[in-house]
Each structure stands twice: as structure tokens, then as C-alpha cells.
Protein backbone atom coordinates (compact mmCIF):
# COMPACT_ATOMS: atom_id res chain seq x y z
CA MET A 1 82.58 114.72 101.70
CA LYS A 2 83.46 111.43 101.07
CA ASN A 3 81.71 110.83 97.97
CA LEU A 4 83.24 114.17 96.07
CA LEU A 5 86.82 112.88 97.35
CA LEU A 6 86.32 109.29 95.60
CA ALA A 7 85.10 111.18 93.04
CA LEU A 8 88.13 113.30 92.79
CA LEU A 9 90.69 110.15 93.62
CA VAL A 10 88.63 109.03 89.59
CA SER A 11 89.11 111.92 88.03
CA GLY A 12 91.03 112.35 85.13
CA ALA A 13 94.78 113.69 86.82
CA ALA A 14 94.66 110.55 88.99
CA LEU A 15 93.74 108.09 86.51
CA ALA A 16 96.78 109.44 84.21
CA TRP A 17 98.88 107.72 86.76
CA ALA A 18 97.07 105.05 87.86
CA GLN A 19 97.57 102.55 84.79
CA VAL A 20 100.41 100.49 85.65
CA PRO A 21 99.68 96.50 84.58
CA PRO A 22 100.06 93.66 86.99
CA PRO A 23 102.42 91.48 86.03
CA GLY A 24 101.05 89.07 83.44
CA GLN A 25 98.35 90.90 82.55
CA GLY A 26 97.24 93.82 80.33
CA LYS A 27 94.87 95.44 83.06
CA ASP A 28 95.12 98.53 84.11
CA ILE A 29 94.09 99.27 88.12
CA ARG A 30 90.34 101.03 87.63
CA THR A 31 90.03 97.12 86.30
CA GLN A 32 91.44 94.95 88.65
CA THR A 33 90.51 93.25 91.16
CA PRO A 34 91.52 93.12 94.66
CA ALA A 35 93.79 89.95 94.51
CA GLU A 36 95.21 91.85 91.38
CA LEU A 37 95.93 95.22 92.95
CA ASN A 38 97.40 93.13 95.75
CA GLN A 39 99.59 91.50 93.21
CA THR A 40 100.39 94.60 91.00
CA ALA A 41 101.27 96.79 94.51
CA ALA A 42 103.81 93.99 95.66
CA GLU A 43 105.04 93.89 92.24
CA LEU A 44 105.34 97.88 92.79
CA GLU A 45 107.17 97.07 96.40
CA ARG A 46 109.63 94.76 94.57
CA GLN A 47 110.88 97.20 91.91
CA LEU A 48 111.45 100.24 94.08
CA LEU A 49 113.90 97.94 96.24
CA ALA A 50 115.48 97.85 92.92
CA GLN A 51 115.05 101.47 91.83
CA PRO A 52 114.32 103.28 95.41
CA GLY A 53 114.67 106.97 93.35
CA SER A 54 111.92 106.43 91.04
CA VAL A 55 108.92 108.99 91.19
CA ASP A 56 106.56 107.38 89.13
CA LEU A 57 107.01 103.67 90.74
CA HIS A 58 105.36 105.71 93.54
CA LEU A 59 103.41 107.35 92.30
CA LYS A 60 101.66 104.27 90.84
CA LEU A 61 102.04 102.22 94.13
CA GLY A 62 100.53 105.13 95.96
CA PHE A 63 97.38 104.60 93.36
CA THR A 64 97.52 101.00 94.00
CA TYR A 65 97.15 101.66 97.28
CA THR A 66 94.56 104.33 97.48
CA ARG A 67 92.72 101.63 95.38
CA LEU A 68 92.78 99.15 97.67
CA GLY A 69 91.31 101.57 100.44
CA LYS A 70 95.38 101.29 102.10
CA ALA A 71 95.14 104.84 103.42
CA ASP A 72 98.41 105.32 105.40
CA ASP A 73 100.27 102.68 102.29
CA ALA A 74 99.25 105.48 100.10
CA GLN A 75 99.93 108.07 101.99
CA ARG A 76 103.88 106.99 102.11
CA ALA A 77 104.08 106.07 98.69
CA PHE A 78 103.03 109.51 98.26
CA GLU A 79 105.21 111.36 100.85
CA ASN A 80 108.10 109.49 99.25
CA ALA A 81 106.99 110.53 95.37
CA VAL A 82 107.28 114.45 97.16
CA ARG A 83 110.30 113.83 98.78
CA LEU A 84 112.20 112.36 95.70
CA ASP A 85 110.34 115.17 93.67
CA PRO A 86 108.78 118.54 95.44
CA ARG A 87 107.55 119.72 92.01
CA LYS A 88 104.99 116.65 91.15
CA ALA A 89 101.59 118.45 91.22
CA ILE A 90 99.91 114.82 90.85
CA ALA A 91 101.76 113.57 94.19
CA HIS A 92 100.76 117.14 96.29
CA TYR A 93 97.13 116.60 95.16
CA MET A 94 97.20 112.66 95.75
CA LEU A 95 98.45 113.64 99.63
CA GLY A 96 95.66 116.14 99.68
CA LEU A 97 93.26 114.47 99.38
CA VAL A 98 94.44 111.32 101.30
CA TYR A 99 94.98 113.60 104.02
CA GLU A 100 91.55 115.24 104.06
CA LYS A 101 90.29 111.69 104.54
CA LYS A 102 92.26 111.01 107.51
CA GLY A 103 90.83 114.45 108.84
CA LEU A 104 94.51 116.10 108.56
CA LYS A 105 93.42 119.37 107.79
CA ASP A 106 96.82 121.26 108.07
CA LYS A 107 98.78 118.47 106.42
CA ALA A 108 95.77 118.82 103.32
CA ILE A 109 95.72 122.21 103.06
CA ALA A 110 99.82 122.33 102.93
CA ALA A 111 99.34 119.54 100.57
CA TRP A 112 96.68 121.95 98.27
CA LYS A 113 99.36 124.69 98.86
CA ALA A 114 101.75 122.86 97.18
CA CYS A 115 99.61 121.05 94.30
CA LEU A 116 98.19 124.72 92.95
CA GLU A 117 102.07 125.78 93.64
CA SER A 118 103.52 123.26 91.43
CA ALA A 119 100.56 122.56 89.21
CA GLY A 120 100.66 123.15 85.16
CA GLU A 121 97.43 121.76 85.10
CA GLN A 122 94.71 123.88 85.08
CA HIS A 123 92.51 121.03 86.39
CA LEU A 124 94.64 120.73 89.15
CA ARG A 125 95.11 123.66 90.45
CA ASP A 126 91.04 124.66 89.87
CA THR A 127 90.88 121.36 92.27
CA ALA A 128 93.28 122.94 95.01
CA ILE A 129 91.79 125.56 94.69
CA LYS A 130 88.26 124.18 95.39
CA HIS A 131 90.04 121.83 98.22
CA LEU A 132 91.79 125.02 99.77
CA ASN A 133 88.16 127.23 99.75
CA ASN A 134 86.23 124.03 101.74
CA LEU A 135 88.68 123.80 104.38
CA ASN A 136 88.63 127.67 104.86
CA ALA A 137 92.45 128.19 104.10
CA ARG A 138 92.25 130.62 100.70
């Protein structure tokens, strides 16, 4: 299951949002070292102080924390994105993955259902259905 979650995490849906260059560098988070990822997270946190209502910044921060393996911080960022835009399917998608990883089945089911309801992209809908089936929630 862990490998499935990791594979889904780096899928095209997640990667489309994950391309935030670190300060002074042109690398996206897929190619950053842990030190660069920490620098990116710090920069995004600084930017959020000035723009706390930015859904995109919360999403990018969540992806950065996910790459760092900081599930609690990623969860917080994705939950903030959902709070700001409840129809943001990718935020629900990522919360579904985080909740599953943390063993929070009921929250994972709710996140996958919200992703399914708000997703326009078929690949997000297909993934949500697969996860709901795996969680015996459909």
C-alpha cells in the first residue's frame, strides 16, 4: 500500500502543482535536495504570511512538505487549501493520500468523496474511485 501511495503521489496530477522553484534556483521540487526543499518550504511559509488566502501557495507548500516526508505539515497545508477553496479537487486528492498514509480511514474516505465530487479531470476521478473501492467505501 505504501508503494501505491508513493506512486500516486508522484503521478501527473500531483506533479502539475509541485513545480515551485526554490529561492534563487530554477529547480522544481521533484529534483530538489532535502536542504533545497527545506529552503523552499521556508520561502513558501514567508510568502503565506503576506498572502494567507493563496490556495496555490498552500498547495505548493503541501507538496513540498510531502516530498520532505512531513505528513503533518503537508496535511495542514492541504487542509488550509480546502478551507479556502472547498472545490479544489487536487487538495482533496492529496488529503486522501495523506490521510490513508496516516491510517485515518474515515477522513480518507471523506477526502476521496470530495475529490470525486469536485474533480473535472477524469484521472482524478478514476483515482478517487479506486481508493474508495480499496477502502470499501463505495
